[in-house]
Amino acid sequence: MNFLNGITLLLIYQLVGEVSVLLLRIPVPGPVMGMVMLFLTLAFRGRSTESLDSVSSALLSHLSLLFVPAGVGIIVHFDRIIDEWLAISAALVLSTIITMAATVVIMKGANRLFLNRDKKDG
């Protein structure tokens, strides 16, 4: 019964996220909005319920199964991937370089900010 309560809670948050996105016309997927709402609820409460802990542990232990649909999608669209391999490769390489550069800039900025704060406090 504990697992059922936890999965019901997750599905309710997903439903509320879907409905709120549709009503407010927010360009965010409904499950993501539901996850944000769940996070805010847990942050406000300061703890999780036992039922939510059990269902999240069970889902995380089988996380690899969630990648099966993505793998099937790649196989289904394999011809298209072969036709557009150059664009896909360029997008992957460029996005990786941009992400790494942004991470460096943010890390240097955060490091400078924390060092300045430590100097003022010390």
N, C-alpha and C. Protein backbone atom coordinates (compact mmCIF):
# COMPACT_ATOMS: atom_id res chain seq x y z
N MET A 1 0.82 -1.20 0.00
CA MET A 1 0.00 0.00 0.00
C MET A 1 0.86 1.26 0.00
N ASN A 2 2.04 1.16 0.63
CA ASN A 2 2.95 2.28 0.71
C ASN A 2 3.40 2.72 -0.69
N PHE A 3 3.76 1.73 -1.53
CA PHE A 3 4.19 2.01 -2.89
C PHE A 3 3.07 2.66 -3.69
N LEU A 4 1.86 2.15 -3.53
CA LEU A 4 0.71 2.69 -4.24
C LEU A 4 0.45 4.15 -3.87
N ASN A 5 0.59 4.48 -2.60
CA ASN A 5 0.42 5.87 -2.17
C ASN A 5 1.47 6.78 -2.80
N GLY A 6 2.70 6.30 -2.85
CA GLY A 6 3.79 7.10 -3.42
C GLY A 6 3.61 7.34 -4.91
N ILE A 7 3.27 6.28 -5.65
CA ILE A 7 3.10 6.44 -7.10
C ILE A 7 1.89 7.31 -7.40
N THR A 8 0.85 7.20 -6.57
CA THR A 8 -0.33 8.06 -6.73
C THR A 8 0.05 9.52 -6.52
N LEU A 9 0.88 9.79 -5.53
CA LEU A 9 1.32 11.15 -5.27
C LEU A 9 2.12 11.70 -6.45
N LEU A 10 3.01 10.90 -7.01
CA LEU A 10 3.78 11.33 -8.18
C LEU A 10 2.87 11.62 -9.37
N LEU A 11 1.90 10.75 -9.59
CA LEU A 11 0.98 10.95 -10.72
C LEU A 11 0.08 12.16 -10.51
N ILE A 12 -0.30 12.44 -9.28
CA ILE A 12 -1.10 13.64 -8.99
C ILE A 12 -0.29 14.90 -9.31
N TYR A 13 0.97 14.92 -8.89
CA TYR A 13 1.82 16.07 -9.21
C TYR A 13 2.01 16.21 -10.71
N GLN A 14 2.13 15.10 -11.42
CA GLN A 14 2.25 15.18 -12.88
C GLN A 14 0.97 15.73 -13.49
N LEU A 15 -0.18 15.27 -13.01
CA LEU A 15 -1.46 15.75 -13.51
C LEU A 15 -1.64 17.24 -13.24
N VAL A 16 -1.31 17.67 -12.03
CA VAL A 16 -1.42 19.09 -11.70
C VAL A 16 -0.47 19.91 -12.57
N GLY A 17 0.72 19.38 -12.83
CA GLY A 17 1.65 20.07 -13.73
C GLY A 17 1.10 20.19 -15.13
N GLU A 18 0.51 19.11 -15.64
CA GLU A 18 -0.08 19.14 -16.99
C GLU A 18 -1.21 20.15 -17.08
N VAL A 19 -2.09 20.13 -16.09
CA VAL A 19 -3.24 21.03 -16.10
C VAL A 19 -2.78 22.48 -15.99
N SER A 20 -1.81 22.76 -15.11
CA SER A 20 -1.35 24.13 -14.94
C SER A 20 -0.66 24.65 -16.19
N VAL A 21 0.09 23.80 -16.87
CA VAL A 21 0.74 24.22 -18.11
C VAL A 21 -0.30 24.52 -19.19
N LEU A 22 -1.34 23.70 -19.26
CA LEU A 22 -2.39 23.94 -20.25
C LEU A 22 -3.18 25.21 -19.95
N LEU A 23 -3.51 25.42 -18.69
CA LEU A 23 -4.30 26.59 -18.33
C LEU A 23 -3.50 27.89 -18.42
N LEU A 24 -2.25 27.85 -18.00
CA LEU A 24 -1.43 29.07 -17.98
C LEU A 24 -0.64 29.27 -19.27
N ARG A 25 -0.71 28.30 -20.16
CA ARG A 25 -0.01 28.35 -21.45
C ARG A 25 1.48 28.60 -21.27
N ILE A 26 2.08 27.85 -20.36
CA ILE A 26 3.50 27.95 -20.09
C ILE A 26 4.23 27.00 -21.03
N PRO A 27 5.31 27.45 -21.69
CA PRO A 27 6.02 26.57 -22.63
C PRO A 27 6.99 25.62 -21.93
N VAL A 28 6.47 24.85 -20.99
CA VAL A 28 7.25 23.87 -20.24
C VAL A 28 6.46 22.57 -20.24
N PRO A 29 7.12 21.42 -20.37
CA PRO A 29 6.37 20.16 -20.30
C PRO A 29 5.67 20.01 -18.95
N GLY A 30 4.49 19.44 -18.97
CA GLY A 30 3.70 19.25 -17.76
C GLY A 30 4.41 18.46 -16.68
N PRO A 31 5.07 17.33 -17.03
CA PRO A 31 5.78 16.58 -15.99
C PRO A 31 6.90 17.40 -15.33
N VAL A 32 7.54 18.26 -16.10
CA VAL A 32 8.59 19.10 -15.52
C VAL A 32 7.98 20.09 -14.52
N MET A 33 6.84 20.67 -14.87
CA MET A 33 6.16 21.58 -13.96
C MET A 33 5.72 20.84 -12.70
N GLY A 34 5.24 19.62 -12.87
CA GLY A 34 4.86 18.81 -11.72
C GLY A 34 6.05 18.50 -10.83
N MET A 35 7.21 18.25 -11.45
CA MET A 35 8.41 17.98 -10.68
C MET A 35 8.84 19.23 -9.89
N VAL A 36 8.72 20.39 -10.52
CA VAL A 36 9.05 21.63 -9.83
C VAL A 36 8.12 21.83 -8.64
N MET A 37 6.84 21.57 -8.84
CA MET A 37 5.88 21.69 -7.74
C MET A 37 6.19 20.71 -6.61
N LEU A 38 6.55 19.49 -6.97
CA LEU A 38 6.92 18.49 -5.97
C LEU A 38 8.16 18.94 -5.21
N PHE A 39 9.15 19.46 -5.94
CA PHE A 39 10.37 19.96 -5.29
C PHE A 39 10.05 21.09 -4.31
N LEU A 40 9.22 22.02 -4.74
CA LEU A 40 8.86 23.13 -3.85
C LEU A 40 8.12 22.63 -2.61
N THR A 41 7.25 21.66 -2.80
CA THR A 41 6.53 21.08 -1.66
C THR A 41 7.50 20.42 -0.69
N LEU A 42 8.43 19.63 -1.22
CA LEU A 42 9.40 18.95 -0.36
C LEU A 42 10.35 19.94 0.31
N ALA A 43 10.73 21.00 -0.41
CA ALA A 43 11.60 22.02 0.18
C ALA A 43 10.87 22.75 1.30
N PHE A 44 9.59 23.01 1.10
CA PHE A 44 8.79 23.70 2.12
C PHE A 44 8.60 22.82 3.36
N ARG A 45 8.32 21.54 3.13
CA ARG A 45 8.10 20.61 4.25
C ARG A 45 9.40 20.22 4.94
N GLY A 46 10.49 20.22 4.18
CA GLY A 46 11.78 19.88 4.75
C GLY A 46 12.08 18.39 4.81
N ARG A 47 11.15 17.57 4.38
CA ARG A 47 11.37 16.12 4.39
C ARG A 47 10.42 15.46 3.39
N SER A 48 10.70 14.20 3.14
CA SER A 48 9.87 13.41 2.22
C SER A 48 9.05 12.42 3.04
N THR A 49 8.00 11.91 2.42
CA THR A 49 7.20 10.89 3.09
C THR A 49 7.82 9.51 2.85
N GLU A 50 7.45 8.56 3.68
CA GLU A 50 7.97 7.20 3.54
C GLU A 50 7.51 6.57 2.23
N SER A 51 6.27 6.85 1.83
CA SER A 51 5.75 6.28 0.59
C SER A 51 6.48 6.85 -0.63
N LEU A 52 6.79 8.14 -0.58
CA LEU A 52 7.52 8.76 -1.69
C LEU A 52 8.96 8.24 -1.74
N ASP A 53 9.55 8.01 -0.58
CA ASP A 53 10.90 7.43 -0.54
C ASP A 53 10.93 6.04 -1.15
N SER A 54 9.92 5.22 -0.84
CA SER A 54 9.92 3.84 -1.35
C SER A 54 9.70 3.81 -2.86
N VAL A 55 8.81 4.65 -3.37
CA VAL A 55 8.55 4.63 -4.81
C VAL A 55 9.73 5.23 -5.57
N SER A 56 10.36 6.26 -5.03
CA SER A 56 11.50 6.85 -5.74
C SER A 56 12.68 5.88 -5.75
N SER A 57 12.89 5.15 -4.69
CA SER A 57 13.96 4.14 -4.66
C SER A 57 13.69 3.04 -5.68
N ALA A 58 12.44 2.61 -5.76
CA ALA A 58 12.09 1.56 -6.73
C ALA A 58 12.27 2.05 -8.16
N LEU A 59 11.85 3.28 -8.44
CA LEU A 59 12.00 3.81 -9.80
C LEU A 59 13.47 4.02 -10.15
N LEU A 60 14.26 4.51 -9.22
CA LEU A 60 15.68 4.71 -9.48
C LEU A 60 16.43 3.40 -9.68
N SER A 61 15.99 2.34 -9.01
CA SER A 61 16.67 1.05 -9.19
C SER A 61 16.42 0.47 -10.58
N HIS A 62 15.37 0.91 -11.24
CA HIS A 62 15.05 0.44 -12.60
C HIS A 62 15.18 1.56 -13.63
N LEU A 63 16.02 2.54 -13.34
CA LEU A 63 16.17 3.70 -14.21
C LEU A 63 16.65 3.33 -15.61
N SER A 64 17.48 2.31 -15.71
CA SER A 64 18.01 1.93 -17.02
C SER A 64 16.90 1.50 -17.99
N LEU A 65 15.80 0.99 -17.47
CA LEU A 65 14.69 0.61 -18.35
C LEU A 65 14.06 1.81 -19.05
N LEU A 66 14.20 2.99 -18.47
CA LEU A 66 13.63 4.18 -19.08
C LEU A 66 14.38 4.61 -20.34
N PHE A 67 15.58 4.07 -20.56
CA PHE A 67 16.34 4.40 -21.76
C PHE A 67 15.99 3.50 -22.94
N VAL A 68 15.22 2.47 -22.72
CA VAL A 68 14.84 1.56 -23.80
C VAL A 68 14.06 2.28 -24.90
N PRO A 69 13.05 3.11 -24.58
CA PRO A 69 12.34 3.82 -25.65
C PRO A 69 13.26 4.72 -26.48
N ALA A 70 14.24 5.36 -25.85
CA ALA A 70 15.17 6.20 -26.60
C ALA A 70 16.01 5.36 -27.55
N GLY A 71 16.45 4.19 -27.09
CA GLY A 71 17.21 3.29 -27.96
C GLY A 71 16.39 2.79 -29.14
N VAL A 72 15.14 2.50 -28.88
CA VAL A 72 14.24 2.06 -29.96
C VAL A 72 14.03 3.20 -30.96
N GLY A 73 13.90 4.41 -30.45
CA GLY A 73 13.74 5.57 -31.34
C GLY A 73 14.95 5.77 -32.23
N ILE A 74 16.13 5.54 -31.68
CA ILE A 74 17.34 5.67 -32.50
C ILE A 74 17.36 4.62 -33.59
N ILE A 75 16.98 3.41 -33.27
CA ILE A 75 16.98 2.34 -34.28
C ILE A 75 15.91 2.60 -35.34
N VAL A 76 14.74 3.10 -34.92
CA VAL A 76 13.66 3.37 -35.87
C VAL A 76 14.07 4.46 -36.86
N HIS A 77 14.80 5.46 -36.38
CA HIS A 77 15.19 6.60 -37.24
C HIS A 77 16.65 6.51 -37.65
N PHE A 78 17.20 5.31 -37.74
CA PHE A 78 18.61 5.12 -38.05
C PHE A 78 18.97 5.67 -39.42
N ASP A 79 18.08 5.50 -40.42
CA ASP A 79 18.35 6.02 -41.76
C ASP A 79 18.48 7.54 -41.74
N ARG A 80 17.64 8.17 -41.00
CA ARG A 80 17.70 9.65 -40.91
C ARG A 80 18.99 10.08 -40.21
N ILE A 81 19.39 9.34 -39.19
CA ILE A 81 20.64 9.66 -38.50
C ILE A 81 21.83 9.52 -39.43
N ILE A 82 21.82 8.47 -40.25
CA ILE A 82 22.90 8.28 -41.23
C ILE A 82 22.92 9.43 -42.24
N ASP A 83 21.74 9.85 -42.70
CA ASP A 83 21.66 10.94 -43.67
C ASP A 83 22.13 12.28 -43.10
N GLU A 84 21.93 12.49 -41.81
CA GLU A 84 22.24 13.78 -41.22
C GLU A 84 23.34 13.68 -40.15
N TRP A 85 24.26 12.75 -40.33
CA TRP A 85 25.30 12.53 -39.33
C TRP A 85 26.20 13.74 -39.14
N LEU A 86 26.46 14.49 -40.20
CA LEU A 86 27.36 15.64 -40.09
C LEU A 86 26.73 16.74 -39.22
N ALA A 87 25.47 17.04 -39.47
CA ALA A 87 24.79 18.06 -38.67
C ALA A 87 24.66 17.63 -37.21
N ILE A 88 24.34 16.36 -37.00
CA ILE A 88 24.21 15.85 -35.63
C ILE A 88 25.55 15.91 -34.92
N SER A 89 26.61 15.49 -35.58
CA SER A 89 27.95 15.52 -34.98
C SER A 89 28.38 16.94 -34.67
N ALA A 90 28.13 17.86 -35.60
CA ALA A 90 28.50 19.27 -35.38
C ALA A 90 27.74 19.85 -34.19
N ALA A 91 26.46 19.54 -34.10
CA ALA A 91 25.66 20.04 -32.98
C ALA A 91 26.15 19.47 -31.66
N LEU A 92 26.52 18.19 -31.64
CA LEU A 92 27.03 17.58 -30.41
C LEU A 92 28.36 18.20 -30.00
N VAL A 93 29.27 18.37 -30.96
CA VAL A 93 30.59 18.93 -30.63
C VAL A 93 30.45 20.39 -30.18
N LEU A 94 29.69 21.19 -30.93
CA LEU A 94 29.53 22.60 -30.57
C LEU A 94 28.83 22.77 -29.23
N SER A 95 27.79 22.00 -28.98
CA SER A 95 27.09 22.15 -27.71
C SER A 95 27.97 21.71 -26.54
N THR A 96 28.83 20.71 -26.76
CA THR A 96 29.76 20.29 -25.71
C THR A 96 30.78 21.39 -25.43
N ILE A 97 31.32 22.00 -26.47
CA ILE A 97 32.30 23.08 -26.29
C ILE A 97 31.65 24.28 -25.60
N ILE A 98 30.45 24.65 -26.01
CA ILE A 98 29.75 25.78 -25.39
C ILE A 98 29.45 25.49 -23.92
N THR A 99 29.02 24.27 -23.63
CA THR A 99 28.73 23.90 -22.24
C THR A 99 29.98 23.93 -21.39
N MET A 100 31.08 23.42 -21.92
CA MET A 100 32.33 23.44 -21.16
C MET A 100 32.81 24.87 -20.92
N ALA A 101 32.70 25.74 -21.94
CA ALA A 101 33.11 27.13 -21.78
C ALA A 101 32.23 27.85 -20.76
N ALA A 102 30.93 27.61 -20.82
CA ALA A 102 30.02 28.24 -19.86
C ALA A 102 30.32 27.75 -18.44
N THR A 103 30.63 26.48 -18.30
CA THR A 103 30.97 25.94 -16.99
C THR A 103 32.23 26.59 -16.43
N VAL A 104 33.22 26.80 -17.28
CA VAL A 104 34.46 27.45 -16.85
C VAL A 104 34.17 28.88 -16.39
N VAL A 105 33.42 29.63 -17.18
CA VAL A 105 33.11 31.02 -16.84
C VAL A 105 32.32 31.09 -15.53
N ILE A 106 31.33 30.24 -15.37
CA ILE A 106 30.51 30.24 -14.15
C ILE A 106 31.36 29.82 -12.95
N MET A 107 32.21 28.83 -13.12
CA MET A 107 33.05 28.37 -12.01
C MET A 107 34.03 29.45 -11.60
N LYS A 108 34.65 30.12 -12.57
CA LYS A 108 35.59 31.20 -12.23
C LYS A 108 34.86 32.35 -11.53
N GLY A 109 33.67 32.69 -12.01
CA GLY A 109 32.90 33.75 -11.38
C GLY A 109 32.48 33.38 -9.96
N ALA A 110 32.04 32.16 -9.77
CA ALA A 110 31.63 31.71 -8.44
C ALA A 110 32.83 31.65 -7.51
N ASN A 111 33.96 31.19 -8.00
CA ASN A 111 35.17 31.11 -7.20
C ASN A 111 35.61 32.52 -6.77
N ARG A 112 35.59 33.47 -7.70
CA ARG A 112 35.95 34.85 -7.38
C ARG A 112 34.98 35.43 -6.36
N LEU A 113 33.69 35.14 -6.53
CA LEU A 113 32.68 35.65 -5.60
C LEU A 113 32.90 35.10 -4.19
N PHE A 114 33.16 33.80 -4.09
CA PHE A 114 33.37 33.19 -2.78
C PHE A 114 34.67 33.65 -2.14
N LEU A 115 35.71 33.83 -2.95
CA LEU A 115 36.98 34.31 -2.39
C LEU A 115 36.84 35.72 -1.86
N ASN A 116 36.13 36.60 -2.58
CA ASN A 116 35.91 37.97 -2.13
C ASN A 116 35.09 37.98 -0.85
N ARG A 117 34.11 37.11 -0.77
CA ARG A 117 33.27 37.05 0.43
C ARG A 117 34.09 36.55 1.62
N ASP A 118 34.95 35.56 1.40
CA ASP A 118 35.79 35.06 2.47
C ASP A 118 36.79 36.12 2.96
N LYS A 119 37.31 36.93 2.05
CA LYS A 119 38.24 38.00 2.44
C LYS A 119 37.54 39.06 3.29
N LYS A 120 36.28 39.36 2.93
CA LYS A 120 35.52 40.35 3.70
C LYS A 120 35.17 39.83 5.08
N ASP A 121 34.84 38.52 5.16
CA ASP A 121 34.46 37.92 6.45
C ASP A 121 35.69 37.70 7.34
N GLY A 122 36.83 37.42 6.75
CA GLY A 122 38.02 37.07 7.51
C GLY A 122 38.82 38.22 7.90
